[in-house]
Amino acid sequence: MKPRILFLTNKQNEAPEEDKMLIDYLSGDFNLVVSHPLDCLPFLNTVDGVIIRNIWPTHEYQEDWDDIKTYIRDSDLPVYNPLMFKGDIEGKDYLVVLYNKGYPVIPSIDKVKDLEQLPPSEYYWIKPKKSCDGVGAEKFTKKPKRFYHSTFR
C-alpha cells in the first residue's frame, strides 16, 4: 500500500505546470491528496505526511495558516518543507540573519535604525516579511531625517 501524502498548494499559483509535474511524479510512489491549506483539515488525520508546495499568499489567511501549522506540528507528521521557522515557509527573517552573518544574500534589515548597514543606494525596496510576489512592497528614497515613499504597484 502506498503512503498517503497531503500535497498542499494554491491551485491558483503562477506555476501550475510545476505542481502538475510534481503531482504526476509523486503519484507513482504515493497516494496523493491535493488540497489548498484552507481545505486541508479533514485530511490531516488521514495522511502519513505533508508536502507544502506553493501556498501563497498565506498573509491573506495568516491566522488560519498559523492554526494549521500548529496542528501539523502537534501531530508529528513528517513535513516538507519543514515548519521550523526557517526559510520562506515562515517569512523572510532568514535573509536578515544570513545578511548579518555575511552570507551573499539580498542585503536585508528589519529595522529602520539599521539602514546604515545597507549598501548606499538612491532607492530601497521595503517588503513585508510574510509576503509574496511583491505584495505590499514599497520603494523608498533616503532623505535627511525623513523617508519618502511610493507604493509599488
N, C-alpha and C. Protein backbone atom coordinates (compact mmCIF):
# COMPACT_ATOMS: atom_id res chain seq x y z
N MET A 1 0.84 -1.18 0.00
CA MET A 1 0.00 0.00 0.00
C MET A 1 0.89 1.25 0.00
N LYS A 2 0.56 2.20 -0.86
CA LYS A 2 1.33 3.45 -0.96
C LYS A 2 1.02 4.36 0.23
N PRO A 3 2.06 5.03 0.77
CA PRO A 3 1.80 6.03 1.82
C PRO A 3 0.90 7.14 1.28
N ARG A 4 0.02 7.63 2.13
CA ARG A 4 -0.92 8.70 1.75
C ARG A 4 -0.28 10.04 2.17
N ILE A 5 -0.09 10.93 1.19
CA ILE A 5 0.58 12.21 1.41
C ILE A 5 -0.35 13.35 1.04
N LEU A 6 -0.41 14.35 1.92
CA LEU A 6 -1.17 15.57 1.66
C LEU A 6 -0.25 16.55 0.95
N PHE A 7 -0.62 16.96 -0.25
CA PHE A 7 0.16 17.89 -1.07
C PHE A 7 -0.57 19.22 -1.02
N LEU A 8 -0.03 20.15 -0.19
CA LEU A 8 -0.66 21.47 -0.05
C LEU A 8 -0.16 22.41 -1.12
N THR A 9 -1.08 23.03 -1.82
CA THR A 9 -0.73 24.01 -2.84
C THR A 9 -1.91 24.94 -3.05
N ASN A 10 -1.62 26.09 -3.57
CA ASN A 10 -2.67 27.00 -4.02
C ASN A 10 -2.80 26.77 -5.51
N LYS A 11 -3.87 26.14 -5.92
CA LYS A 11 -4.03 25.79 -7.33
C LYS A 11 -4.10 27.01 -8.24
N GLN A 12 -4.25 28.19 -7.65
CA GLN A 12 -4.28 29.42 -8.43
C GLN A 12 -2.90 30.06 -8.54
N ASN A 13 -1.84 29.35 -8.14
CA ASN A 13 -0.49 29.93 -8.18
C ASN A 13 -0.04 30.11 -9.63
N GLU A 14 1.05 30.81 -9.78
CA GLU A 14 1.52 31.16 -11.12
C GLU A 14 2.38 30.09 -11.77
N ALA A 15 2.52 28.94 -11.11
CA ALA A 15 3.31 27.85 -11.68
C ALA A 15 2.55 26.53 -11.62
N PRO A 16 1.32 26.49 -12.14
CA PRO A 16 0.54 25.26 -12.03
C PRO A 16 1.18 24.09 -12.78
N GLU A 17 1.95 24.36 -13.82
CA GLU A 17 2.59 23.27 -14.56
C GLU A 17 3.63 22.56 -13.69
N GLU A 18 4.29 23.29 -12.79
CA GLU A 18 5.24 22.67 -11.87
C GLU A 18 4.50 21.76 -10.88
N ASP A 19 3.38 22.24 -10.36
CA ASP A 19 2.58 21.41 -9.46
C ASP A 19 2.14 20.13 -10.17
N LYS A 20 1.64 20.26 -11.39
CA LYS A 20 1.17 19.09 -12.13
C LYS A 20 2.31 18.09 -12.34
N MET A 21 3.49 18.59 -12.70
CA MET A 21 4.64 17.72 -12.91
C MET A 21 4.99 16.97 -11.61
N LEU A 22 5.03 17.70 -10.49
CA LEU A 22 5.34 17.08 -9.20
C LEU A 22 4.27 16.07 -8.79
N ILE A 23 3.02 16.44 -8.96
CA ILE A 23 1.92 15.54 -8.61
C ILE A 23 1.99 14.26 -9.45
N ASP A 24 2.21 14.41 -10.74
CA ASP A 24 2.33 13.23 -11.62
C ASP A 24 3.50 12.35 -11.18
N TYR A 25 4.63 12.96 -10.89
CA TYR A 25 5.82 12.22 -10.49
C TYR A 25 5.61 11.50 -9.16
N LEU A 26 5.11 12.23 -8.16
CA LEU A 26 4.93 11.66 -6.82
C LEU A 26 3.83 10.61 -6.77
N SER A 27 2.86 10.71 -7.67
CA SER A 27 1.75 9.75 -7.68
C SER A 27 2.22 8.33 -7.97
N GLY A 28 3.39 8.20 -8.55
CA GLY A 28 3.93 6.86 -8.79
C GLY A 28 4.28 6.13 -7.51
N ASP A 29 4.65 6.88 -6.47
CA ASP A 29 5.08 6.27 -5.21
C ASP A 29 4.15 6.54 -4.03
N PHE A 30 3.26 7.52 -4.18
CA PHE A 30 2.41 7.93 -3.07
C PHE A 30 0.95 8.05 -3.52
N ASN A 31 0.06 7.86 -2.58
CA ASN A 31 -1.35 8.17 -2.77
C ASN A 31 -1.50 9.63 -2.34
N LEU A 32 -1.63 10.53 -3.31
CA LEU A 32 -1.64 11.97 -3.02
C LEU A 32 -3.05 12.50 -2.82
N VAL A 33 -3.16 13.37 -1.83
CA VAL A 33 -4.36 14.17 -1.64
C VAL A 33 -3.90 15.61 -1.87
N VAL A 34 -4.43 16.26 -2.90
CA VAL A 34 -4.04 17.63 -3.24
C VAL A 34 -5.08 18.58 -2.66
N SER A 35 -4.59 19.59 -1.92
CA SER A 35 -5.53 20.49 -1.25
C SER A 35 -4.92 21.86 -1.05
N HIS A 36 -5.78 22.86 -1.05
CA HIS A 36 -5.41 24.20 -0.60
C HIS A 36 -5.32 24.13 0.92
N PRO A 37 -4.42 24.89 1.55
CA PRO A 37 -4.32 24.84 3.01
C PRO A 37 -5.64 25.07 3.74
N LEU A 38 -6.47 25.96 3.23
CA LEU A 38 -7.73 26.25 3.92
C LEU A 38 -8.72 25.08 3.87
N ASP A 39 -8.46 24.13 2.98
CA ASP A 39 -9.35 22.97 2.83
C ASP A 39 -8.74 21.68 3.38
N CYS A 40 -7.60 21.77 4.04
CA CYS A 40 -6.84 20.55 4.37
C CYS A 40 -7.21 19.88 5.68
N LEU A 41 -7.89 20.55 6.58
CA LEU A 41 -8.13 19.98 7.91
C LEU A 41 -8.78 18.59 7.89
N PRO A 42 -9.76 18.32 7.02
CA PRO A 42 -10.36 16.98 7.03
C PRO A 42 -9.37 15.86 6.66
N PHE A 43 -8.26 16.21 6.02
CA PHE A 43 -7.31 15.21 5.55
C PHE A 43 -6.17 14.95 6.53
N LEU A 44 -5.92 15.87 7.44
CA LEU A 44 -4.72 15.78 8.27
C LEU A 44 -4.66 14.52 9.14
N ASN A 45 -5.79 13.99 9.54
CA ASN A 45 -5.79 12.76 10.34
C ASN A 45 -5.75 11.51 9.48
N THR A 46 -5.73 11.67 8.16
CA THR A 46 -5.80 10.50 7.27
C THR A 46 -4.52 10.31 6.44
N VAL A 47 -3.49 11.13 6.69
CA VAL A 47 -2.28 11.07 5.86
C VAL A 47 -1.07 10.67 6.69
N ASP A 48 -0.04 10.24 5.96
CA ASP A 48 1.22 9.83 6.58
C ASP A 48 2.27 10.93 6.55
N GLY A 49 2.01 12.01 5.83
CA GLY A 49 2.95 13.11 5.73
C GLY A 49 2.36 14.25 4.92
N VAL A 50 3.07 15.39 4.90
CA VAL A 50 2.59 16.59 4.23
C VAL A 50 3.72 17.18 3.38
N ILE A 51 3.38 17.57 2.17
CA ILE A 51 4.30 18.34 1.32
C ILE A 51 3.67 19.72 1.14
N ILE A 52 4.44 20.76 1.45
CA ILE A 52 3.97 22.13 1.27
C ILE A 52 4.67 22.68 0.04
N ARG A 53 3.90 23.03 -0.94
CA ARG A 53 4.47 23.39 -2.24
C ARG A 53 4.41 24.91 -2.48
N ASN A 54 3.32 25.41 -2.94
CA ASN A 54 3.22 26.81 -3.33
C ASN A 54 1.89 27.33 -2.80
N ILE A 55 1.90 27.74 -1.55
CA ILE A 55 0.65 28.04 -0.86
C ILE A 55 0.36 29.52 -0.73
N TRP A 56 1.19 30.35 -1.32
CA TRP A 56 0.98 31.80 -1.21
C TRP A 56 -0.35 32.19 -1.82
N PRO A 57 -0.92 33.24 -1.39
CA PRO A 57 -0.48 34.23 -0.40
C PRO A 57 -1.04 33.94 1.01
N THR A 58 -0.25 33.32 1.85
CA THR A 58 -0.71 32.96 3.19
C THR A 58 -1.03 34.18 4.05
N HIS A 59 -0.46 35.34 3.72
CA HIS A 59 -0.77 36.53 4.52
C HIS A 59 -2.26 36.90 4.41
N GLU A 60 -2.93 36.41 3.39
CA GLU A 60 -4.37 36.68 3.25
C GLU A 60 -5.21 35.81 4.18
N TYR A 61 -4.61 34.77 4.72
CA TYR A 61 -5.32 33.90 5.67
C TYR A 61 -4.35 33.48 6.79
N GLN A 62 -3.57 34.46 7.27
CA GLN A 62 -2.48 34.20 8.20
C GLN A 62 -2.93 33.49 9.48
N GLU A 63 -4.02 33.94 10.08
CA GLU A 63 -4.46 33.32 11.33
C GLU A 63 -4.83 31.85 11.12
N ASP A 64 -5.56 31.56 10.04
CA ASP A 64 -5.91 30.17 9.73
C ASP A 64 -4.65 29.35 9.45
N TRP A 65 -3.71 29.91 8.69
CA TRP A 65 -2.48 29.20 8.36
C TRP A 65 -1.67 28.93 9.63
N ASP A 66 -1.61 29.89 10.55
CA ASP A 66 -0.91 29.67 11.82
C ASP A 66 -1.54 28.51 12.59
N ASP A 67 -2.86 28.44 12.60
CA ASP A 67 -3.56 27.34 13.29
C ASP A 67 -3.25 25.99 12.61
N ILE A 68 -3.22 25.98 11.29
CA ILE A 68 -2.92 24.75 10.55
C ILE A 68 -1.50 24.30 10.85
N LYS A 69 -0.55 25.23 10.85
CA LYS A 69 0.85 24.88 11.16
C LYS A 69 0.97 24.30 12.57
N THR A 70 0.29 24.90 13.52
CA THR A 70 0.32 24.39 14.90
C THR A 70 -0.23 22.97 14.94
N TYR A 71 -1.33 22.74 14.26
CA TYR A 71 -1.94 21.40 14.22
C TYR A 71 -0.96 20.39 13.62
N ILE A 72 -0.33 20.77 12.50
CA ILE A 72 0.62 19.86 11.84
C ILE A 72 1.81 19.59 12.76
N ARG A 73 2.36 20.62 13.38
CA ARG A 73 3.49 20.43 14.30
C ARG A 73 3.10 19.50 15.45
N ASP A 74 1.94 19.73 16.02
CA ASP A 74 1.49 18.92 17.16
C ASP A 74 1.20 17.48 16.77
N SER A 75 0.90 17.23 15.51
CA SER A 75 0.57 15.88 15.06
C SER A 75 1.82 15.03 14.82
N ASP A 76 2.98 15.66 14.76
CA ASP A 76 4.24 14.97 14.48
C ASP A 76 4.28 14.34 13.10
N LEU A 77 3.45 14.83 12.18
CA LEU A 77 3.52 14.35 10.80
C LEU A 77 4.82 14.81 10.17
N PRO A 78 5.46 13.97 9.37
CA PRO A 78 6.62 14.45 8.61
C PRO A 78 6.14 15.51 7.62
N VAL A 79 6.90 16.59 7.51
CA VAL A 79 6.52 17.72 6.66
C VAL A 79 7.72 18.17 5.85
N TYR A 80 7.48 18.43 4.58
CA TYR A 80 8.46 19.07 3.72
C TYR A 80 7.72 20.14 2.95
N ASN A 81 8.11 21.30 3.06
CA ASN A 81 9.19 22.00 3.72
C ASN A 81 8.92 22.04 5.22
N PRO A 82 9.95 21.77 6.02
CA PRO A 82 9.75 21.69 7.47
C PRO A 82 9.23 23.00 8.06
N LEU A 83 8.37 22.87 9.04
CA LEU A 83 7.82 24.04 9.73
C LEU A 83 8.72 24.37 10.92
N MET A 84 9.95 24.79 10.63
CA MET A 84 10.95 25.00 11.67
C MET A 84 11.35 26.47 11.80
N PHE A 85 10.49 27.37 11.37
CA PHE A 85 10.75 28.80 11.46
C PHE A 85 11.99 29.22 10.67
N LYS A 86 12.21 28.58 9.54
CA LYS A 86 13.34 28.94 8.68
C LYS A 86 12.84 28.98 7.24
N GLY A 87 13.45 29.82 6.43
CA GLY A 87 13.12 29.86 5.02
C GLY A 87 11.79 30.53 4.74
N ASP A 88 11.40 30.54 3.52
CA ASP A 88 10.20 31.25 3.10
C ASP A 88 8.92 30.75 3.74
N ILE A 89 8.93 29.52 4.22
CA ILE A 89 7.71 28.97 4.80
C ILE A 89 7.31 29.76 6.04
N GLU A 90 8.23 30.44 6.66
CA GLU A 90 7.95 31.23 7.86
C GLU A 90 8.31 32.70 7.69
N GLY A 91 8.44 33.18 6.49
CA GLY A 91 8.74 34.59 6.30
C GLY A 91 10.18 34.80 5.86
N LYS A 92 10.60 36.05 5.87
CA LYS A 92 11.91 36.41 5.34
C LYS A 92 12.96 36.71 6.42
N ASP A 93 12.70 36.32 7.66
CA ASP A 93 13.67 36.58 8.72
C ASP A 93 15.03 35.98 8.41
N TYR A 94 15.05 34.87 7.71
CA TYR A 94 16.31 34.21 7.41
C TYR A 94 17.24 35.12 6.59
N LEU A 95 16.68 35.99 5.75
CA LEU A 95 17.52 36.90 4.98
C LEU A 95 18.28 37.87 5.89
N VAL A 96 17.61 38.39 6.90
CA VAL A 96 18.25 39.29 7.85
C VAL A 96 19.37 38.56 8.59
N VAL A 97 19.09 37.35 9.05
CA VAL A 97 20.09 36.56 9.79
C VAL A 97 21.30 36.28 8.90
N LEU A 98 21.06 35.78 7.69
CA LEU A 98 22.17 35.45 6.80
C LEU A 98 22.96 36.69 6.38
N TYR A 99 22.28 37.80 6.12
CA TYR A 99 22.98 39.04 5.76
C TYR A 99 23.87 39.50 6.90
N ASN A 100 23.35 39.43 8.12
CA ASN A 100 24.14 39.83 9.29
C ASN A 100 25.36 38.93 9.51
N LYS A 101 25.30 37.69 9.03
CA LYS A 101 26.42 36.76 9.16
C LYS A 101 27.38 36.84 7.97
N GLY A 102 27.08 37.74 7.01
CA GLY A 102 27.98 37.94 5.88
C GLY A 102 27.76 37.03 4.69
N TYR A 103 26.65 36.31 4.65
CA TYR A 103 26.37 35.44 3.51
C TYR A 103 25.94 36.27 2.30
N PRO A 104 26.17 35.76 1.09
CA PRO A 104 25.82 36.51 -0.13
C PRO A 104 24.32 36.42 -0.45
N VAL A 105 23.53 37.15 0.32
CA VAL A 105 22.09 37.20 0.10
C VAL A 105 21.69 38.64 -0.18
N ILE A 106 20.44 38.86 -0.52
CA ILE A 106 19.92 40.21 -0.72
C ILE A 106 20.16 40.99 0.57
N PRO A 107 20.84 42.14 0.51
CA PRO A 107 21.05 42.93 1.73
C PRO A 107 19.71 43.19 2.42
N SER A 108 19.63 42.80 3.69
CA SER A 108 18.34 42.81 4.39
C SER A 108 18.48 43.27 5.83
N ILE A 109 17.57 44.14 6.23
CA ILE A 109 17.46 44.59 7.61
C ILE A 109 15.99 44.54 7.99
N ASP A 110 15.70 44.65 9.27
CA ASP A 110 14.29 44.68 9.65
C ASP A 110 13.95 45.84 10.58
N LYS A 111 14.88 46.80 10.70
CA LYS A 111 14.62 47.99 11.50
C LYS A 111 15.19 49.21 10.76
N VAL A 112 14.43 50.28 10.74
CA VAL A 112 14.88 51.49 10.06
C VAL A 112 16.21 51.97 10.64
N LYS A 113 16.40 51.80 11.94
CA LYS A 113 17.64 52.26 12.58
C LYS A 113 18.87 51.54 12.03
N ASP A 114 18.67 50.39 11.36
CA ASP A 114 19.78 49.62 10.79
C ASP A 114 20.04 49.96 9.32
N LEU A 115 19.39 50.99 8.82
CA LEU A 115 19.51 51.35 7.40
C LEU A 115 20.96 51.56 6.97
N GLU A 116 21.79 52.07 7.86
CA GLU A 116 23.19 52.34 7.51
C GLU A 116 23.98 51.05 7.25
N GLN A 117 23.43 49.90 7.63
CA GLN A 117 24.09 48.62 7.36
C GLN A 117 23.97 48.22 5.90
N LEU A 118 23.03 48.84 5.18
CA LEU A 118 22.82 48.52 3.77
C LEU A 118 23.80 49.28 2.89
N PRO A 119 24.13 48.72 1.75
CA PRO A 119 24.99 49.46 0.82
C PRO A 119 24.30 50.75 0.39
N PRO A 120 25.08 51.79 0.11
CA PRO A 120 24.47 53.05 -0.35
C PRO A 120 23.65 52.83 -1.62
N SER A 121 22.50 53.47 -1.67
CA SER A 121 21.64 53.36 -2.83
C SER A 121 20.71 54.56 -2.86
N GLU A 122 20.31 54.96 -4.06
CA GLU A 122 19.35 56.05 -4.16
C GLU A 122 17.97 55.59 -3.70
N TYR A 123 17.64 54.30 -3.93
CA TYR A 123 16.34 53.76 -3.57
C TYR A 123 16.50 52.47 -2.78
N TYR A 124 15.50 52.19 -1.96
CA TYR A 124 15.43 50.94 -1.21
C TYR A 124 14.03 50.36 -1.39
N TRP A 125 13.96 49.03 -1.45
CA TRP A 125 12.68 48.35 -1.52
C TRP A 125 12.38 47.78 -0.15
N ILE A 126 11.21 48.07 0.34
CA ILE A 126 10.74 47.54 1.61
C ILE A 126 9.67 46.50 1.29
N LYS A 127 9.87 45.29 1.80
CA LYS A 127 8.93 44.22 1.51
C LYS A 127 8.54 43.56 2.83
N PRO A 128 7.25 43.38 3.06
CA PRO A 128 6.83 42.68 4.28
C PRO A 128 7.46 41.28 4.36
N LYS A 129 7.85 40.88 5.55
CA LYS A 129 8.49 39.57 5.72
C LYS A 129 7.57 38.42 5.34
N LYS A 130 6.31 38.56 5.62
CA LYS A 130 5.36 37.49 5.29
C LYS A 130 4.54 37.92 4.09
N SER A 131 5.22 37.98 2.96
CA SER A 131 4.57 38.44 1.74
C SER A 131 5.08 37.58 0.59
N CYS A 132 4.50 37.77 -0.57
CA CYS A 132 4.94 37.04 -1.75
C CYS A 132 4.75 37.91 -2.98
N ASP A 133 5.54 37.64 -3.98
CA ASP A 133 5.39 38.28 -5.28
C ASP A 133 5.30 39.80 -5.22
N GLY A 134 5.97 40.42 -4.27
CA GLY A 134 5.97 41.88 -4.20
C GLY A 134 4.73 42.49 -3.56
N VAL A 135 3.83 41.66 -3.02
CA VAL A 135 2.63 42.19 -2.36
C VAL A 135 3.06 43.03 -1.17
N GLY A 136 2.64 44.28 -1.14
CA GLY A 136 2.97 45.17 -0.04
C GLY A 136 4.33 45.83 -0.15
N ALA A 137 5.06 45.59 -1.23
CA ALA A 137 6.38 46.18 -1.39
C ALA A 137 6.25 47.68 -1.68
N GLU A 138 7.20 48.43 -1.15
CA GLU A 138 7.22 49.86 -1.38
C GLU A 138 8.64 50.32 -1.69
N LYS A 139 8.74 51.34 -2.52
CA LYS A 139 10.02 51.91 -2.92
C LYS A 139 10.25 53.17 -2.10
N PHE A 140 11.41 53.23 -1.43
CA PHE A 140 11.75 54.37 -0.61
C PHE A 140 13.00 55.03 -1.15
N THR A 141 13.09 56.33 -0.93
CA THR A 141 14.31 57.06 -1.20
C THR A 141 14.76 57.68 0.13
N LYS A 142 16.05 57.63 0.41
CA LYS A 142 16.56 58.13 1.67
C LYS A 142 16.83 59.63 1.55
N LYS A 143 16.23 60.40 2.43
CA LYS A 143 16.45 61.84 2.51
C LYS A 143 16.85 62.15 3.95
N PRO A 144 17.55 63.24 4.18
CA PRO A 144 17.94 63.56 5.56
C PRO A 144 16.72 63.61 6.49
N LYS A 145 16.78 62.82 7.54
CA LYS A 145 15.80 62.79 8.62
C LYS A 145 14.42 62.29 8.21
N ARG A 146 14.19 61.95 6.94
CA ARG A 146 12.86 61.53 6.51
C ARG A 146 12.95 60.46 5.42
N PHE A 147 11.89 59.73 5.31
CA PHE A 147 11.75 58.79 4.19
C PHE A 147 10.59 59.25 3.34
N TYR A 148 10.78 59.20 2.05
CA TYR A 148 9.70 59.45 1.11
C TYR A 148 9.45 58.14 0.41
N HIS A 149 8.22 57.80 0.21
CA HIS A 149 7.96 56.52 -0.45
C HIS A 149 6.81 56.62 -1.43
N SER A 150 6.81 55.66 -2.31
CA SER A 150 5.67 55.49 -3.21
C SER A 150 5.35 54.01 -3.19
N THR A 151 4.10 53.68 -3.16
CA THR A 151 3.69 52.29 -3.11
C THR A 151 3.97 51.66 -4.47
N PHE A 152 4.61 50.51 -4.46
CA PHE A 152 4.91 49.75 -5.68
C PHE A 152 3.63 49.05 -6.14
N ARG A 153 3.31 49.21 -7.38
CA ARG A 153 2.13 48.54 -7.92
C ARG A 153 2.51 47.86 -9.21
